[in-house]
N, C-alpha and C. Protein backbone atom coordinates (compact mmCIF):
# COMPACT_ATOMS: atom_id res chain seq x y z
N MET A 1 35.11 180.13 102.76
CA MET A 1 36.11 179.49 101.60
C MET A 1 36.99 178.34 102.90
N SER A 2 37.55 177.13 102.15
CA SER A 2 37.90 175.73 103.37
C SER A 2 39.40 175.85 102.91
N LEU A 3 39.93 175.28 104.04
CA LEU A 3 41.98 175.91 104.29
C LEU A 3 41.84 174.74 103.05
N ALA A 4 43.12 175.37 102.63
CA ALA A 4 43.94 174.21 101.88
C ALA A 4 45.51 173.45 102.04
N ARG A 5 45.10 172.26 101.99
CA ARG A 5 45.86 171.44 102.31
C ARG A 5 47.12 170.60 101.11
N ARG A 6 47.90 171.29 101.37
CA ARG A 6 49.57 170.33 100.51
C ARG A 6 49.52 169.12 100.46
N LEU A 7 49.18 168.05 99.89
CA LEU A 7 49.34 166.97 100.17
C LEU A 7 50.94 165.89 100.13
N GLN A 8 51.81 166.57 98.88
CA GLN A 8 52.92 166.06 98.87
C GLN A 8 54.00 166.51 100.57
N PRO A 9 54.16 165.49 101.32
CA PRO A 9 54.55 166.16 102.61
C PRO A 9 56.26 166.73 102.58
N VAL A 10 56.22 167.57 103.57
CA VAL A 10 57.46 168.14 104.27
C VAL A 10 57.93 167.56 105.31
N SER A 11 59.44 167.51 105.31
CA SER A 11 60.37 167.48 106.51
C SER A 11 60.00 168.84 107.36
N PHE A 12 60.17 168.66 108.46
CA PHE A 12 60.25 169.48 109.63
C PHE A 12 60.65 170.88 109.28
N GLU A 13 62.26 170.49 108.78
CA GLU A 13 63.21 171.27 108.28
C GLU A 13 62.97 171.78 107.13
N GLU A 14 62.51 171.30 106.13
CA GLU A 14 61.38 171.94 104.73
C GLU A 14 60.97 173.36 105.57
N TYR A 15 59.95 172.51 106.29
CA TYR A 15 58.89 173.71 107.07
C TYR A 15 59.57 174.56 107.16
N LEU A 16 59.73 174.86 108.42
CA LEU A 16 61.02 175.84 108.96
C LEU A 16 61.68 176.90 108.56
N ALA A 17 62.27 176.15 107.37
CA ALA A 17 63.03 177.40 106.18
C ALA A 17 62.07 177.84 105.42
N SER A 18 60.58 177.25 105.24
CA SER A 18 59.36 178.00 104.24
C SER A 18 59.01 179.14 105.18
N GLN A 19 59.47 178.86 106.36
CA GLN A 19 58.39 179.59 107.15
C GLN A 19 59.35 181.17 107.67
N ARG A 20 60.61 181.34 107.39
CA ARG A 20 61.72 182.30 107.88
C ARG A 20 61.37 182.98 106.93
N GLY A 21 60.54 183.46 105.90
CA GLY A 21 60.75 183.98 104.49
C GLY A 21 59.92 184.82 105.39
N GLU A 22 59.06 185.87 103.72
CA GLU A 22 57.71 186.59 103.98
C GLU A 22 56.98 186.35 103.47
N GLY A 23 57.00 184.81 103.14
CA GLY A 23 56.05 184.40 101.86
C GLY A 23 54.67 184.17 103.21
N GLN A 24 53.63 182.93 102.56
CA GLN A 24 52.58 182.56 102.97
C GLN A 24 52.72 181.71 103.78
N ARG A 25 52.16 181.97 105.02
CA ARG A 25 52.23 181.09 106.09
C ARG A 25 51.40 179.96 106.13
N PHE A 26 51.88 178.52 106.53
CA PHE A 26 51.23 177.34 106.77
C PHE A 26 51.23 176.87 108.02
N ASP A 27 50.24 176.12 108.93
CA ASP A 27 50.10 175.07 110.13
C ASP A 27 51.00 174.28 109.39
N PHE A 28 51.78 173.17 110.10
CA PHE A 28 52.01 171.93 109.94
C PHE A 28 51.69 170.60 110.64
N TRP A 29 51.45 170.07 110.27
CA TRP A 29 50.77 168.72 110.76
C TRP A 29 51.61 167.57 110.30
N ASP A 30 52.32 166.82 110.99
CA ASP A 30 52.96 165.64 110.66
C ASP A 30 53.61 165.90 109.03
N GLY A 31 53.86 166.66 108.48
CA GLY A 31 54.41 166.77 107.26
C GLY A 31 53.11 167.57 106.10
N THR A 32 52.31 167.48 106.40
CA THR A 32 51.39 168.63 105.87
C THR A 32 51.04 169.68 105.93
N LEU A 33 51.45 170.09 105.16
CA LEU A 33 50.76 171.90 105.02
C LEU A 33 49.46 172.21 104.76
N ILE A 34 49.27 172.80 106.18
CA ILE A 34 47.98 174.02 106.02
C ILE A 34 47.89 175.18 105.86
N GLU A 35 47.49 175.36 104.57
CA GLU A 35 47.31 177.17 104.29
C GLU A 35 46.78 177.94 104.74
N LEU A 36 46.94 178.85 105.10
CA LEU A 36 46.25 179.91 106.28
C LEU A 36 45.66 180.37 104.92
N GLU A 37 44.16 181.13 105.87
CA GLU A 37 44.01 182.14 104.65
C GLU A 37 43.92 183.69 105.27
N ALA A 38 43.66 184.45 103.75
CA ALA A 38 44.08 185.87 104.85
C ALA A 38 42.91 186.33 105.76
N THR A 39 43.35 187.04 106.28
CA THR A 39 42.21 187.71 107.53
C THR A 39 41.13 189.00 106.67
N THR A 40 40.30 189.55 108.02
CA THR A 40 39.33 190.54 107.44
C THR A 40 40.21 191.41 108.40
N LYS A 41 39.26 192.70 107.69
CA LYS A 41 39.51 194.03 108.87
C LYS A 41 38.80 193.62 110.04
N ASN A 42 37.66 193.59 110.28
CA ASN A 42 37.00 193.08 111.88
C ASN A 42 38.25 191.88 112.13
N HIS A 43 38.76 190.98 111.70
CA HIS A 43 39.86 189.85 112.30
C HIS A 43 40.97 190.80 113.06
N ASN A 44 41.34 192.24 112.32
CA ASN A 44 42.43 192.66 112.44
C ASN A 44 41.87 194.18 113.90
N ARG A 45 41.41 194.27 113.63
CA ARG A 45 40.49 195.20 114.36
C ARG A 45 40.17 194.40 115.69
N ILE A 46 39.61 193.42 115.64
CA ILE A 46 39.34 192.16 116.95
C ILE A 46 40.64 191.71 117.97
N LYS A 47 42.01 191.95 117.12
CA LYS A 47 42.84 191.44 117.30
C LYS A 47 43.46 192.31 117.98
N ARG A 48 43.54 193.63 117.30
CA ARG A 48 44.46 194.99 117.94
C ARG A 48 43.74 195.47 119.34
N ASN A 49 42.20 195.14 119.09
CA ASN A 49 41.65 195.83 120.32
C ASN A 49 41.80 195.04 121.68
N LEU A 50 42.09 193.60 121.42
CA LEU A 50 42.19 192.76 122.29
C LEU A 50 43.52 193.02 123.42
N ILE A 51 44.51 192.73 122.29
CA ILE A 51 46.00 193.33 123.04
C ILE A 51 45.65 194.80 123.43
N ALA A 52 45.36 195.47 122.70
CA ALA A 52 45.34 196.82 123.56
C ALA A 52 44.84 196.89 124.77
N GLN A 53 43.95 196.42 125.14
CA GLN A 53 43.43 196.13 126.37
C GLN A 53 44.20 194.74 127.33
N ILE A 54 45.74 194.97 126.79
CA ILE A 54 46.34 193.95 128.34
C ILE A 54 47.66 195.23 128.35
N PRO A 55 47.51 195.49 129.52
CA PRO A 55 48.54 196.75 129.68
C PRO A 55 50.19 196.02 129.46
N GLN A 56 50.95 196.26 129.37
CA GLN A 56 52.70 195.91 128.96
C GLN A 56 52.69 195.60 130.33
N GLN A 57 52.42 196.51 131.50
CA GLN A 57 52.88 196.39 132.87
C GLN A 57 52.29 195.29 133.44
N ILE A 58 50.76 194.60 132.86
CA ILE A 58 50.49 193.58 133.56
C ILE A 58 51.74 192.79 132.78
N LEU A 59 52.00 192.27 131.91
CA LEU A 59 52.58 191.42 131.57
C LEU A 59 53.98 190.76 132.22
N GLU A 60 54.39 192.11 131.87
CA GLU A 60 55.82 192.09 132.41
C GLU A 60 55.68 191.86 134.44
N SER A 61 54.57 192.48 135.06
CA SER A 61 54.67 192.10 136.17
C SER A 61 54.27 190.31 136.11
N LYS A 62 53.63 190.11 135.71
CA LYS A 62 53.34 187.97 135.97
C LYS A 62 54.72 187.78 134.91
N GLY A 63 56.09 188.46 134.38
CA GLY A 63 56.68 186.96 133.80
C GLY A 63 56.03 186.99 132.28
N CYS A 64 55.39 187.69 131.82
CA CYS A 64 54.76 187.00 130.18
C CYS A 64 55.23 187.82 129.25
N GLU A 65 54.70 187.55 128.46
CA GLU A 65 54.74 188.22 126.80
C GLU A 65 53.75 187.51 126.34
N LEU A 66 53.36 188.47 124.99
CA LEU A 66 52.04 188.25 124.38
C LEU A 66 52.50 188.34 122.66
N PHE A 67 52.12 187.36 121.85
CA PHE A 67 52.51 186.97 120.70
C PHE A 67 51.29 187.04 119.97
N ASP A 68 51.68 187.57 118.37
CA ASP A 68 50.30 187.31 117.63
C ASP A 68 50.74 186.94 116.38
N GLU A 69 49.40 186.31 115.46
CA GLU A 69 49.47 185.43 114.54
C GLU A 69 50.76 184.91 113.57
N ASN A 70 51.85 186.27 114.24
CA ASN A 70 53.24 185.73 113.39
C ASN A 70 53.62 185.20 113.66
N VAL A 71 54.13 183.98 114.61
CA VAL A 71 55.13 183.49 115.48
C VAL A 71 54.34 181.98 115.74
N MET A 72 55.38 181.10 115.64
CA MET A 72 54.60 179.44 115.74
C MET A 72 54.09 179.27 117.09
N THR A 73 53.47 178.76 117.11
CA THR A 73 53.67 177.93 118.65
C THR A 73 53.40 176.21 118.10
N GLN A 74 54.06 175.89 118.98
CA GLN A 74 54.69 174.41 118.92
C GLN A 74 53.12 173.37 120.22
N ILE A 75 52.97 172.46 118.90
CA ILE A 75 52.13 171.40 118.91
C ILE A 75 52.87 170.63 119.81
N GLN A 76 53.68 169.72 118.65
CA GLN A 76 54.08 168.30 119.13
C GLN A 76 55.70 168.78 118.51
N SER A 77 57.10 168.83 119.28
CA SER A 77 58.40 169.00 118.73
C SER A 77 58.32 168.50 116.99
N LYS A 78 58.87 168.48 116.43
CA LYS A 78 58.99 168.78 114.99
C LYS A 78 58.13 168.21 114.12
N LYS A 79 56.84 168.12 115.03
CA LYS A 79 55.54 167.65 114.23
C LYS A 79 54.36 168.45 113.80
N ARG A 80 53.91 169.58 115.06
CA ARG A 80 52.77 170.23 114.21
C ARG A 80 52.94 171.22 115.48
N TYR A 81 53.09 172.44 114.10
CA TYR A 81 52.80 174.15 114.91
C TYR A 81 52.11 174.53 114.12
N VAL A 82 51.42 175.52 114.86
CA VAL A 82 50.40 176.23 114.26
C VAL A 82 50.92 177.64 114.70
N TYR A 83 49.95 178.72 114.04
CA TYR A 83 49.92 180.00 114.09
C TYR A 83 48.68 180.65 114.70
N PRO A 84 48.50 180.49 116.28
CA PRO A 84 47.35 181.28 116.91
C PRO A 84 47.32 182.58 116.85
N ASP A 85 46.14 183.08 116.69
CA ASP A 85 46.01 185.07 116.62
C ASP A 85 46.80 185.40 117.45
N ILE A 86 46.32 185.03 118.67
CA ILE A 86 47.37 185.52 119.67
C ILE A 86 47.24 184.15 120.45
N VAL A 87 48.60 184.19 121.37
CA VAL A 87 49.56 183.52 122.35
C VAL A 87 50.17 184.32 123.58
N LEU A 88 49.78 183.42 124.82
CA LEU A 88 50.30 184.42 125.87
C LEU A 88 51.57 183.21 126.20
N THR A 89 52.79 183.71 126.55
CA THR A 89 53.36 182.31 127.45
C THR A 89 54.31 183.36 128.90
N CYS A 90 54.36 182.21 129.55
CA CYS A 90 55.11 183.26 131.33
C CYS A 90 55.93 181.71 131.77
N ASN A 91 56.69 181.57 130.57
CA ASN A 91 57.65 180.59 130.90
C ASN A 91 59.22 181.36 130.84
N PRO A 92 59.91 180.79 131.40
CA PRO A 92 60.97 181.89 131.16
C PRO A 92 61.81 180.59 130.23
N GLU A 93 61.71 179.87 130.23
CA GLU A 93 62.45 178.72 129.42
C GLU A 93 62.09 178.89 127.54
N ASP A 94 61.00 180.28 127.76
CA ASP A 94 60.67 180.13 126.12
C ASP A 94 61.04 180.78 125.71
N GLN A 95 62.45 180.58 124.95
CA GLN A 95 63.62 181.75 123.91
C GLN A 95 63.55 181.43 122.88
N ASP A 96 63.38 180.07 122.18
CA ASP A 96 63.66 179.99 120.71
C ASP A 96 63.00 181.46 120.23
N PRO A 97 63.38 181.97 119.19
CA PRO A 97 63.23 183.46 118.33
C PRO A 97 62.01 183.08 117.78
N LEU A 98 61.64 182.07 116.90
CA LEU A 98 60.39 181.70 116.13
C LEU A 98 59.72 180.97 116.48
N ILE A 99 59.30 180.27 117.91
CA ILE A 99 58.60 179.10 118.21
C ILE A 99 57.97 179.36 119.61
N ILE A 100 57.00 179.71 119.81
CA ILE A 100 56.09 179.31 121.23
C ILE A 100 56.33 177.55 121.36
N GLU A 101 56.96 177.52 122.92
CA GLU A 101 57.01 175.99 123.31
C GLU A 101 56.31 175.73 124.35
N PHE A 102 55.79 176.72 125.35
CA PHE A 102 54.86 176.80 126.35
C PHE A 102 53.96 177.68 126.73
N PRO A 103 53.21 177.88 125.83
CA PRO A 103 51.97 178.82 125.71
C PRO A 103 50.97 178.25 126.78
N CYS A 104 50.62 179.22 127.51
CA CYS A 104 49.55 179.38 128.64
C CYS A 104 48.19 179.78 128.10
N VAL A 105 47.75 180.43 127.62
CA VAL A 105 46.32 181.15 127.09
C VAL A 105 46.81 181.35 125.39
N ILE A 106 46.10 180.68 124.54
CA ILE A 106 45.76 180.42 123.09
C ILE A 106 44.30 181.52 122.96
N ILE A 107 44.37 182.32 122.17
CA ILE A 107 42.81 182.96 121.38
C ILE A 107 43.34 182.66 120.22
N GLU A 108 41.89 182.20 119.55
CA GLU A 108 41.68 181.96 118.06
C GLU A 108 40.46 183.31 117.82
N ILE A 109 40.43 183.80 116.67
CA ILE A 109 39.84 184.73 115.74
C ILE A 109 39.07 184.02 114.89
N LEU A 110 37.70 183.35 114.56
CA LEU A 110 36.89 182.49 114.36
C LEU A 110 36.70 183.31 113.12
N SER A 111 36.51 182.46 111.85
CA SER A 111 36.01 183.26 110.70
C SER A 111 35.42 182.04 109.73
N GLN A 112 35.09 182.10 109.21
CA GLN A 112 33.81 181.21 108.13
C GLN A 112 34.55 180.12 107.63
N GLY A 113 36.31 180.52 107.12
CA GLY A 113 36.94 179.12 106.77
C GLY A 113 37.45 179.07 107.67
N THR A 114 37.95 179.15 108.27
CA THR A 114 38.63 178.50 109.69
C THR A 114 38.02 178.19 110.94
N ALA A 115 36.76 178.27 111.03
CA ALA A 115 36.30 178.31 112.47
C ALA A 115 36.36 176.89 112.42
N GLN A 116 35.57 175.91 111.85
CA GLN A 116 35.69 174.40 112.05
C GLN A 116 37.18 173.82 112.27
N TYR A 117 38.25 174.41 111.43
CA TYR A 117 39.76 174.09 111.67
C TYR A 117 39.98 174.44 113.33
N ASP A 118 39.62 175.61 113.66
CA ASP A 118 40.26 175.94 115.08
C ASP A 118 39.38 175.31 116.27
N ARG A 119 37.88 175.01 116.15
CA ARG A 119 37.06 174.57 116.72
C ARG A 119 37.48 173.35 117.17
N THR A 120 38.07 172.20 116.29
CA THR A 120 37.90 170.90 116.35
C THR A 120 39.52 170.63 116.66
N GLU A 121 40.45 170.29 115.33
CA GLU A 121 41.41 169.86 115.17
C GLU A 121 42.32 170.30 116.25
N LYS A 122 42.23 171.82 115.55
CA LYS A 122 43.46 172.92 116.92
C LYS A 122 42.81 172.90 118.31
N PHE A 123 41.82 172.96 119.28
CA PHE A 123 41.46 173.07 119.91
C PHE A 123 41.77 171.50 120.40
N PHE A 124 41.38 170.47 120.26
CA PHE A 124 42.04 169.08 120.38
C PHE A 124 43.29 169.03 120.78
N GLN A 125 44.04 169.66 119.48
CA GLN A 125 45.66 169.30 120.03
C GLN A 125 46.10 170.35 121.41
N TYR A 126 45.43 171.35 121.10
CA TYR A 126 45.48 172.68 122.21
C TYR A 126 45.53 171.93 123.54
N GLN A 127 44.53 171.44 123.67
CA GLN A 127 44.04 170.59 125.03
C GLN A 127 45.26 169.61 125.78
N ARG A 128 45.91 168.90 124.80
CA ARG A 128 46.74 168.14 125.10
C ARG A 128 48.41 169.14 125.67
N ILE A 129 48.79 169.86 125.16
CA ILE A 129 49.52 170.48 125.54
C ILE A 129 49.75 170.81 127.26
N PRO A 130 50.38 170.47 127.73
CA PRO A 130 50.17 170.52 129.48
C PRO A 130 50.45 172.18 129.79
N SER A 131 51.05 172.64 129.07
CA SER A 131 51.30 174.35 129.69
C SER A 131 49.72 175.07 129.24
N VAL A 132 49.14 174.83 128.27
CA VAL A 132 47.52 176.05 128.04
C VAL A 132 46.56 175.59 129.20
N GLU A 133 46.64 176.67 130.00
CA GLU A 133 45.84 176.26 130.57
C GLU A 133 44.36 177.15 130.66
N GLN A 134 44.22 178.25 128.75
CA GLN A 134 43.21 178.60 128.56
C GLN A 134 43.02 178.85 127.23
N CYS A 135 41.77 178.32 126.97
CA CYS A 135 41.74 178.35 125.30
C CYS A 135 40.35 179.60 125.05
N VAL A 136 40.35 180.34 123.89
CA VAL A 136 39.73 181.58 124.16
C VAL A 136 39.19 181.90 121.83
N PHE A 137 38.10 181.15 121.73
CA PHE A 137 37.57 181.71 120.42
C PHE A 137 36.46 183.03 120.72
N ILE A 138 37.01 183.80 119.48
CA ILE A 138 36.00 185.05 119.71
C ILE A 138 35.27 185.03 117.90
N ALA A 139 34.38 185.05 117.99
CA ALA A 139 33.66 185.05 116.83
C ALA A 139 33.90 186.88 116.58
N GLN A 140 33.95 186.68 114.76
CA GLN A 140 34.08 188.28 114.24
C GLN A 140 32.62 188.38 114.03
N HIS A 141 31.74 188.02 113.38
CA HIS A 141 30.82 188.02 112.63
C HIS A 141 28.87 188.54 113.57
N GLN A 142 29.69 187.96 115.00
CA GLN A 142 28.64 188.48 115.79
C GLN A 142 29.26 188.47 117.58
N LEU A 143 28.76 189.06 117.80
CA LEU A 143 29.01 189.43 119.89
C LEU A 143 29.04 187.33 120.12
N ALA A 144 30.61 187.28 120.19
CA ALA A 144 30.33 185.80 120.91
C ALA A 144 31.54 185.69 121.44
N VAL A 145 32.00 185.31 122.82
CA VAL A 145 32.98 184.87 123.14
C VAL A 145 33.12 183.42 123.45
N GLU A 146 33.47 182.53 123.47
CA GLU A 146 33.67 181.28 124.48
C GLU A 146 35.31 180.78 125.01
N SER A 147 34.97 180.98 126.36
CA SER A 147 36.45 180.61 126.96
C SER A 147 36.72 179.46 127.86
N PHE A 148 37.14 178.75 127.54
CA PHE A 148 37.44 177.09 127.88
C PHE A 148 38.69 177.59 129.27
N GLU A 149 38.60 177.05 130.14
CA GLU A 149 39.52 176.64 130.95
C GLU A 149 39.62 175.49 131.66
N ARG A 150 41.33 175.17 131.81
CA ARG A 150 41.24 173.80 132.08
C ARG A 150 41.10 173.99 134.01
N ALA A 151 40.60 172.71 134.27
CA ALA A 151 40.20 172.91 135.31
C ALA A 151 41.22 171.92 136.34
N PRO A 152 41.56 172.55 137.83
CA PRO A 152 42.47 171.24 138.35
C PRO A 152 41.94 169.84 137.99
N ASN A 153 41.35 169.22 137.80
CA ASN A 153 41.12 168.04 137.58
C ASN A 153 41.22 167.67 136.40
N GLY A 154 41.72 168.64 135.15
CA GLY A 154 42.07 168.31 134.38
C GLY A 154 41.02 168.26 132.60
N GLN A 155 39.71 168.82 133.66
CA GLN A 155 38.77 168.84 132.66
C GLN A 155 38.38 170.27 132.37
N TRP A 156 38.18 170.10 131.30
CA TRP A 156 37.71 172.12 130.47
C TRP A 156 36.56 172.78 130.40
N LEU A 157 36.39 173.56 130.96
CA LEU A 157 35.13 173.98 131.57
C LEU A 157 34.85 175.48 130.66
N MET A 158 33.54 175.81 130.05
CA MET A 158 33.18 176.50 128.98
C MET A 158 32.82 177.86 129.60
N THR A 159 32.76 178.86 129.23
CA THR A 159 32.66 180.14 129.81
C THR A 159 32.05 180.98 128.30
N PRO A 160 30.38 181.03 128.00
CA PRO A 160 30.20 181.49 127.33
C PRO A 160 29.95 183.34 127.22
N LEU A 161 29.82 184.15 126.64
CA LEU A 161 29.71 185.08 127.01
C LEU A 161 29.19 185.84 125.45
N ALA A 162 28.54 186.91 125.78
CA ALA A 162 27.55 187.38 124.64
C ALA A 162 26.97 188.72 125.12
N THR A 163 27.01 189.48 126.03
CA THR A 163 26.73 191.14 126.14
C THR A 163 28.29 191.81 125.97
N ALA A 164 28.19 193.03 125.78
CA ALA A 164 29.62 194.04 125.39
C ALA A 164 30.05 194.33 127.18
N SER A 165 29.01 193.92 128.22
CA SER A 165 29.31 194.04 129.42
C SER A 165 30.00 193.18 130.23
N ASP A 166 29.69 191.57 129.47
CA ASP A 166 30.23 190.57 129.67
C ASP A 166 31.31 190.85 129.72
N GLU A 167 32.29 190.09 130.20
CA GLU A 167 34.37 190.36 130.74
C GLU A 167 35.17 188.90 130.74
N LEU A 168 35.81 189.17 129.45
CA LEU A 168 36.94 188.17 129.23
C LEU A 168 37.52 188.03 129.96
N ILE A 169 38.23 186.85 131.57
CA ILE A 169 38.88 187.15 132.51
C ILE A 169 39.99 185.67 131.85
N ILE A 170 41.41 186.78 132.07
CA ILE A 170 42.33 185.77 131.16
C ILE A 170 43.17 185.99 132.95
N HIS A 171 42.51 184.72 133.71
CA HIS A 171 43.09 184.23 134.24
C HIS A 171 44.85 184.00 135.00
N ARG A 172 45.13 184.28 134.04
CA ARG A 172 47.13 183.82 134.37
C ARG A 172 47.44 185.25 134.98
N LEU A 173 46.43 186.26 133.92
CA LEU A 173 47.27 187.60 134.04
C LEU A 173 46.25 188.37 135.27
N ASP A 174 45.38 187.85 135.90
CA ASP A 174 43.97 188.23 136.87
C ASP A 174 44.03 189.81 136.03
N HIS A 175 43.08 189.53 134.87
CA HIS A 175 42.82 190.71 134.06
C HIS A 175 41.56 190.75 133.27
N ARG A 176 40.90 191.16 133.48
CA ARG A 176 39.44 191.32 132.97
C ARG A 176 39.36 192.38 131.44
N ILE A 177 38.46 191.69 130.75
CA ILE A 177 38.73 192.96 129.51
C ILE A 177 36.70 192.02 129.15
N PRO A 178 36.11 193.83 128.94
CA PRO A 178 34.76 193.52 128.67
C PRO A 178 34.53 193.55 127.47
N LEU A 179 33.66 192.92 126.88
CA LEU A 179 33.45 192.13 125.57
C LEU A 179 32.91 193.61 124.40
N GLY A 180 33.00 194.82 124.79
CA GLY A 180 32.42 196.21 124.49
C GLY A 180 33.90 196.46 123.84
N GLN A 181 34.85 196.16 124.69
CA GLN A 181 36.06 196.75 124.41
C GLN A 181 36.97 195.84 123.47
N ILE A 182 36.65 194.77 122.83
CA ILE A 182 36.87 193.61 122.16
C ILE A 182 36.40 194.07 120.73
N TYR A 183 35.05 194.38 120.64
CA TYR A 183 34.33 194.38 120.03
C TYR A 183 34.29 196.34 119.00
N HIS A 184 35.02 197.16 119.58
CA HIS A 184 34.88 198.71 119.79
C HIS A 184 35.06 198.66 117.85
N ARG A 185 34.15 199.30 117.34
CA ARG A 185 34.29 199.60 116.07
C ARG A 185 34.17 198.27 115.25
N ILE A 186 33.24 197.31 115.82
CA ILE A 186 33.58 195.89 114.96
C ILE A 186 31.84 196.43 114.07
N THR A 187 31.21 196.06 113.43
CA THR A 187 29.97 196.07 112.96
C THR A 187 29.22 194.79 112.48
N PHE A 188 28.51 194.16 112.49
CA PHE A 188 27.94 192.60 112.42
C PHE A 188 26.89 192.81 111.24
């Protein structure tokens, strides 16, 4: 399944008004709406498993909040907004009730229909957000995770993870999560 794009441009204000309701969610790219596809049970299990492995006390001790795919993340003010599967912010200035403006960790759970979009267009833009320190891509059809971290020199370094005993390290939280926990109850 490919992503549907609405060709008739809309203003940022029209987009924001449409996203306040309970209807279909769209990413917003320079006036173009990109319809997001429905998620699978495995997608939701992976997301739930991962969030469950990050205790609230760790988040609070680091001054961070974790949000899921129902909160918009700003890529470029009034021009580009997306819905990552999981986003972490640790900036006290991130006070908008609808939008994450200062994400530091972005996690995408890949599906056949969105993998290319997530790993190319969106990742290219995530790398340009100054506050983003880490981007993680989690496959849902095989045990495979890629963690990209911004090095001090600005380059992005990739760590591939592929066994249940490998650990995803979220450095911002000083927290390790075994892939076996992320993929609990997932069958391929």
